[in-house]
């Protein structure tokens, strides 16, 4: 049974206007703290300097891909940049008379075929064209490689501000729950990440583990008296398994829930009952 519960499953987030593709194997929405005016008694955070650089030959690259995937009409003017996103993100949007294309600066050392595949993916989203698999395969292989995944995690560790964690909810203390689950299922050997409740309720997921800042967040909607403790324990246990079994490449895809992961998940005594309860809560 597939439920839209957990945030560690890699699914691309896409918008066509502006176009945006993000490697969601590493979560960002809900994790990056918004900068604003500091309140009383709060220290003003240092403003980070974002270094944006032009992609050498980027305009010609996008024009080639425009023609290659069969877009109609003359190609627009392109402005192509490397941008310091917090993950492996690609964006495209119209700005005045130009198409502004931004690649994550993780791609600065990528081969030309990888950049061509990235451009083809974005243009296909905007112009609703199909892309040949051979054209985008170099980008997909690059994005899913173990080396790239390690670079993403290292980069996110420095760019994503850890959320202000509050593990002690109104009804459930996640620190105590983590320690108990760690002793019971991991012999106390699982290295503890940051653990806390989300600052606001989420609609479509109940837990998320982000390996960049090394944090587990649980949906605040579950911190209620009508939610059984075993349901919260199961969601936390699921995210703890993501700590133990990191996302890895399997064939042409990324595997977040390996056979080992699934086998250990079913060791939770209330596994089936908790899944049914979460199914009801997700409606």
Protein backbone atom coordinates (compact mmCIF):
# COMPACT_ATOMS: atom_id res chain seq x y z
CA UNK A 1 0.00 0.00 0.00
CA UNK A 2 1.48 3.34 -1.07
CA UNK A 3 0.69 6.33 1.08
CA UNK A 4 1.93 9.92 0.56
CA UNK A 5 3.37 9.99 4.04
CA UNK A 6 7.09 10.36 4.08
CA UNK A 7 9.40 12.97 2.65
CA UNK A 8 12.49 10.92 1.90
CA UNK A 9 11.18 9.32 -1.28
CA UNK A 10 12.83 11.10 -4.22
CA UNK A 11 10.20 12.75 -6.39
CA UNK A 12 10.96 15.67 -8.71
CA UNK A 13 9.07 18.84 -7.93
CA UNK A 14 8.01 20.58 -11.10
CA UNK A 15 6.31 23.83 -12.10
CA UNK A 16 5.94 24.84 -15.73
CA UNK A 17 5.74 28.61 -15.32
CA UNK A 18 8.24 29.28 -13.94
CA UNK A 19 9.69 25.86 -14.73
CA UNK A 20 11.47 24.26 -11.82
CA UNK A 21 12.97 20.87 -11.22
CA UNK A 22 14.46 19.92 -7.91
CA UNK A 23 16.12 16.77 -6.78
CA UNK A 24 13.81 16.03 -3.89
CA UNK A 25 15.89 13.24 -2.54
CA UNK A 26 17.05 16.04 -0.27
CA UNK A 27 14.16 18.02 1.10
CA UNK A 28 14.09 21.82 1.04
CA UNK A 29 10.60 23.12 1.51
CA UNK A 30 9.91 23.41 5.20
CA UNK A 31 13.60 23.18 6.02
CA UNK A 32 15.10 26.46 4.95
CA UNK A 33 14.31 29.18 7.42
CA UNK A 34 12.99 32.32 5.82
CA UNK A 35 14.98 35.46 6.43
CA UNK A 36 13.04 38.42 7.76
CA UNK A 37 13.25 41.18 10.23
CA UNK A 38 14.58 39.92 13.54
CA UNK A 39 12.23 40.24 16.47
CA UNK A 40 13.10 41.77 19.77
CA UNK A 41 15.88 39.97 21.53
CA UNK A 42 16.85 38.05 18.40
CA UNK A 43 20.22 38.45 16.75
CA UNK A 44 20.25 39.54 13.15
CA UNK A 45 21.55 36.70 11.02
CA UNK A 46 24.45 37.38 8.72
CA UNK A 47 23.35 37.76 5.13
CA UNK A 48 24.91 35.11 2.94
CA UNK A 49 26.58 36.22 -0.27
CA UNK A 50 25.28 34.32 -3.29
CA UNK A 51 27.76 33.93 -6.09
CA UNK A 52 26.00 33.71 -9.46
CA UNK A 53 28.10 33.00 -12.55
CA UNK A 54 27.29 32.76 -16.24
CA UNK A 55 27.37 29.34 -17.88
CA UNK A 56 30.02 29.52 -20.62
CA UNK A 57 28.27 29.07 -23.95
CA UNK A 58 24.96 28.65 -22.11
CA UNK A 59 22.81 30.61 -24.56
CA UNK A 60 24.06 28.60 -27.54
CA UNK A 61 23.58 25.38 -25.56
CA UNK A 62 19.91 26.18 -24.87
CA UNK A 63 19.33 27.21 -28.48
CA UNK A 64 20.69 23.86 -29.65
CA UNK A 65 18.41 21.98 -27.26
CA UNK A 66 15.45 24.16 -28.30
CA UNK A 67 15.91 22.97 -31.87
CA UNK A 68 16.83 19.40 -31.00
CA UNK A 69 13.67 18.64 -29.00
CA UNK A 70 11.51 20.16 -31.72
CA UNK A 71 10.25 23.41 -30.20
CA UNK A 72 8.29 25.51 -32.69
CA UNK A 73 9.34 28.96 -33.88
CA UNK A 74 12.58 30.86 -33.44
CA UNK A 75 14.38 30.28 -30.11
CA UNK A 76 14.13 33.07 -27.54
CA UNK A 77 17.10 34.90 -26.08
CA UNK A 78 18.57 32.85 -23.25
CA UNK A 79 20.43 33.94 -20.15
CA UNK A 80 21.98 30.93 -18.45
CA UNK A 81 23.54 30.96 -14.97
CA UNK A 82 24.98 28.73 -12.30
CA UNK A 83 23.07 29.53 -9.09
CA UNK A 84 23.88 28.46 -5.50
CA UNK A 85 20.70 26.54 -4.79
CA UNK A 86 20.42 24.40 -1.67
CA UNK A 87 20.04 21.25 -3.74
CA UNK A 88 20.45 19.96 -7.29
CA UNK A 89 17.86 22.33 -8.74
CA UNK A 90 17.08 23.50 -12.27
CA UNK A 91 14.80 26.46 -13.02
CA UNK A 92 13.55 28.32 -16.08
CA UNK A 93 11.35 31.39 -16.26
CA UNK A 94 10.52 34.26 -18.55
CA UNK A 95 12.07 37.56 -17.52
CA UNK A 96 11.25 40.48 -19.81
CA UNK A 97 12.29 39.38 -23.32
CA UNK A 98 14.61 36.61 -22.09
CA UNK A 99 14.39 33.09 -20.80
CA UNK A 100 16.33 32.94 -17.54
CA UNK A 101 17.76 29.46 -17.04
CA UNK A 102 19.50 28.56 -13.81
CA UNK A 103 21.43 25.40 -13.07
CA UNK A 104 22.59 24.43 -9.61
CA UNK A 105 26.25 25.35 -9.22
CA UNK A 106 26.80 21.66 -8.45
CA UNK A 107 26.90 21.30 -12.24
CA UNK A 108 29.83 23.65 -12.77
CA UNK A 109 32.21 20.74 -13.30
CA UNK A 110 29.72 18.57 -15.17
CA UNK A 111 30.41 17.44 -18.77
CA UNK A 112 28.67 19.27 -21.60
CA UNK A 113 26.33 16.31 -22.20
CA UNK A 114 25.03 16.69 -18.63
CA UNK A 115 24.30 20.40 -19.13
CA UNK A 116 22.60 19.64 -22.44
CA UNK A 117 20.39 17.09 -20.72
CA UNK A 118 19.51 19.59 -17.97
CA UNK A 119 18.56 22.23 -20.55
CA UNK A 120 16.50 19.74 -22.53
CA UNK A 121 14.54 18.76 -19.40
CA UNK A 122 13.67 22.38 -18.60
CA UNK A 123 12.75 23.33 -22.17
CA UNK A 124 10.59 20.23 -22.50
CA UNK A 125 8.63 21.28 -19.42
CA UNK A 126 8.03 24.82 -20.70
CA UNK A 127 7.23 23.86 -24.31
CA UNK A 128 5.59 20.53 -23.51
CA UNK A 129 7.84 18.45 -25.67
CA UNK A 130 9.09 14.90 -25.25
CA UNK A 131 12.81 14.47 -24.79
CA UNK A 132 14.75 11.52 -26.20
CA UNK A 133 15.95 9.29 -23.40
CA UNK A 134 19.47 9.28 -24.79
CA UNK A 135 19.55 13.07 -24.55
CA UNK A 136 18.67 13.30 -20.86
CA UNK A 137 20.40 10.08 -19.74
CA UNK A 138 23.76 11.80 -19.01
CA UNK A 139 22.04 14.25 -16.64
CA UNK A 140 20.06 11.53 -14.89
CA UNK A 141 23.14 9.34 -14.46
CA UNK A 142 25.15 12.29 -13.14
CA UNK A 143 22.40 13.35 -10.71
CA UNK A 144 21.92 9.84 -9.32
CA UNK A 145 25.58 8.91 -8.98
CA UNK A 146 26.94 8.19 -5.51
CA UNK A 147 29.53 10.94 -5.84
CA UNK A 148 26.90 13.55 -6.71
CA UNK A 149 24.67 12.42 -3.83
CA UNK A 150 27.58 12.89 -1.44
CA UNK A 151 28.29 16.35 -2.84
CA UNK A 152 24.62 17.31 -2.41
CA UNK A 153 24.63 16.28 1.23
CA UNK A 154 27.88 18.10 1.92
CA UNK A 155 26.61 21.24 0.22
CA UNK A 156 23.25 21.15 2.00
CA UNK A 157 25.01 20.79 5.32
CA UNK A 158 26.51 24.23 4.75
CA UNK A 159 23.65 25.99 2.95
CA UNK A 160 20.51 24.79 4.68
CA UNK A 161 19.96 26.34 8.06
CA UNK A 162 18.83 23.72 10.57
CA UNK A 163 15.27 24.25 11.70
CA UNK A 164 14.65 25.41 15.23
CA UNK A 165 13.74 22.02 16.67
CA UNK A 166 11.18 21.53 19.40
CA UNK A 167 11.04 17.86 20.28
CA UNK A 168 8.76 18.29 23.30
CA UNK A 169 5.26 18.60 21.89
CA UNK A 170 2.05 19.14 23.80
CA UNK A 171 1.34 15.39 23.95
CA UNK A 172 4.46 13.54 22.71
CA UNK A 173 8.14 14.04 23.52
CA UNK A 174 10.11 12.95 20.47
CA UNK A 175 13.45 12.86 22.25
CA UNK A 176 12.18 10.30 24.74
CA UNK A 177 10.44 8.39 21.97
CA UNK A 178 13.62 8.33 19.83
CA UNK A 179 15.73 7.01 22.69
CA UNK A 180 13.22 4.27 23.47
CA UNK A 181 12.99 3.18 19.81
CA UNK A 182 16.77 3.32 19.47
CA UNK A 183 17.21 0.96 22.41
CA UNK A 184 14.46 -1.40 21.28
CA UNK A 185 15.20 -1.70 17.55
CA UNK A 186 18.79 -0.51 17.07
CA UNK A 187 20.44 -1.66 20.32
CA UNK A 188 21.08 2.01 21.08
CA UNK A 189 23.53 2.22 18.17
CA UNK A 190 21.75 4.62 15.82
CA UNK A 191 23.46 7.98 15.78
CA UNK A 192 20.89 10.56 16.82
CA UNK A 193 20.12 13.39 14.37
CA UNK A 194 18.20 16.50 15.27
CA UNK A 195 14.61 15.53 16.09
CA UNK A 196 11.60 17.80 16.36
CA UNK A 197 8.07 18.72 15.37
CA UNK A 198 7.38 20.75 12.24
CA UNK A 199 6.60 24.42 12.85
CA UNK A 200 3.31 24.03 10.97
CA UNK A 201 1.05 21.18 9.95
CA UNK A 202 1.78 19.48 6.62
CA UNK A 203 -0.97 18.24 4.35
CA UNK A 204 0.61 15.30 2.52
CA UNK A 205 3.39 13.87 4.65
CA UNK A 206 3.85 12.85 8.24
CA UNK A 207 7.60 12.64 8.57
CA UNK A 208 10.79 13.67 6.81
CA UNK A 209 14.50 13.00 7.20
CA UNK A 210 16.90 15.47 5.60
CA UNK A 211 20.49 14.15 5.56
CA UNK A 212 21.93 17.61 4.76
CA UNK A 213 21.31 19.28 8.13
CA UNK A 214 20.78 15.75 9.56
CA UNK A 215 17.28 16.30 10.90
CA UNK A 216 14.09 14.34 11.43
CA UNK A 217 10.88 16.36 11.48
CA UNK A 218 7.44 14.97 12.23
CA UNK A 219 4.18 16.56 11.20
CA UNK A 220 2.78 18.68 14.03
CA UNK A 221 -0.70 17.45 13.10
CA UNK A 222 0.09 14.21 14.94
CA UNK A 223 0.82 15.94 18.26
CA UNK A 224 -2.79 15.56 19.35
CA UNK A 225 -4.49 13.47 22.03
CA UNK A 226 -6.66 11.59 19.52
CA UNK A 227 -3.59 10.27 17.67
CA UNK A 228 -2.40 7.00 19.26
CA UNK A 229 1.20 6.93 20.50
CA UNK A 230 2.00 3.89 18.34
CA UNK A 231 1.22 5.94 15.22
CA UNK A 232 3.76 8.62 16.14
CA UNK A 233 6.26 5.93 17.12
CA UNK A 234 5.86 4.22 13.75
CA UNK A 235 6.42 7.42 11.76
CA UNK A 236 9.50 8.23 13.84
CA UNK A 237 10.77 4.66 13.45
CA UNK A 238 10.30 4.93 9.67
CA UNK A 239 12.44 8.08 9.56
CA UNK A 240 15.05 6.45 11.80
CA UNK A 241 15.32 3.69 9.21
CA UNK A 242 16.14 6.36 6.62
CA UNK A 243 19.06 7.36 8.84
CA UNK A 244 20.25 3.75 8.90
CA UNK A 245 19.55 3.04 5.21
CA UNK A 246 20.47 6.14 3.14
CA UNK A 247 19.07 6.64 -0.35
CA UNK A 248 21.22 4.84 -2.90
CA UNK A 249 21.32 4.29 -6.63
CA UNK A 250 19.76 1.10 -7.93
CA UNK A 251 19.98 0.60 -11.67
CA UNK A 252 18.60 3.76 -13.31
CA UNK A 253 16.71 5.02 -10.25
CA UNK A 254 17.26 6.07 -6.66
CA UNK A 255 16.16 3.66 -3.97
CA UNK A 256 14.95 5.12 -0.69
CA UNK A 257 13.07 2.04 0.53
CA UNK A 258 15.39 -0.90 -0.06
CA UNK A 259 14.34 -4.51 0.63
CA UNK A 260 16.36 -4.31 3.87
CA UNK A 261 14.49 -1.14 4.80
CA UNK A 262 11.10 -2.73 4.14
CA UNK A 263 11.98 -5.86 6.07
CA UNK A 264 13.04 -3.88 9.14
CA UNK A 265 10.03 -1.60 8.87
CA UNK A 266 7.71 -4.59 9.28
CA UNK A 267 9.42 -5.46 12.56
CA UNK A 268 7.45 -2.64 14.17
CA UNK A 269 4.78 -4.45 16.20
CA UNK A 270 1.91 -2.14 15.18
CA UNK A 271 3.03 -1.82 11.56
CA UNK A 272 -0.26 -2.69 9.81
CA UNK A 273 -2.41 -0.94 12.38
CA UNK A 274 -0.33 2.25 12.20
CA UNK A 275 -0.47 2.30 8.40
CA UNK A 276 -4.25 2.07 8.46
CA UNK A 277 -4.46 4.87 11.03
CA UNK A 278 -2.23 7.08 8.89
CA UNK A 279 -4.32 6.31 5.83
CA UNK A 280 -7.39 7.60 7.66
CA UNK A 281 -5.52 10.66 8.94
CA UNK A 282 -4.30 11.50 5.41
CA UNK A 283 -7.84 11.84 4.05
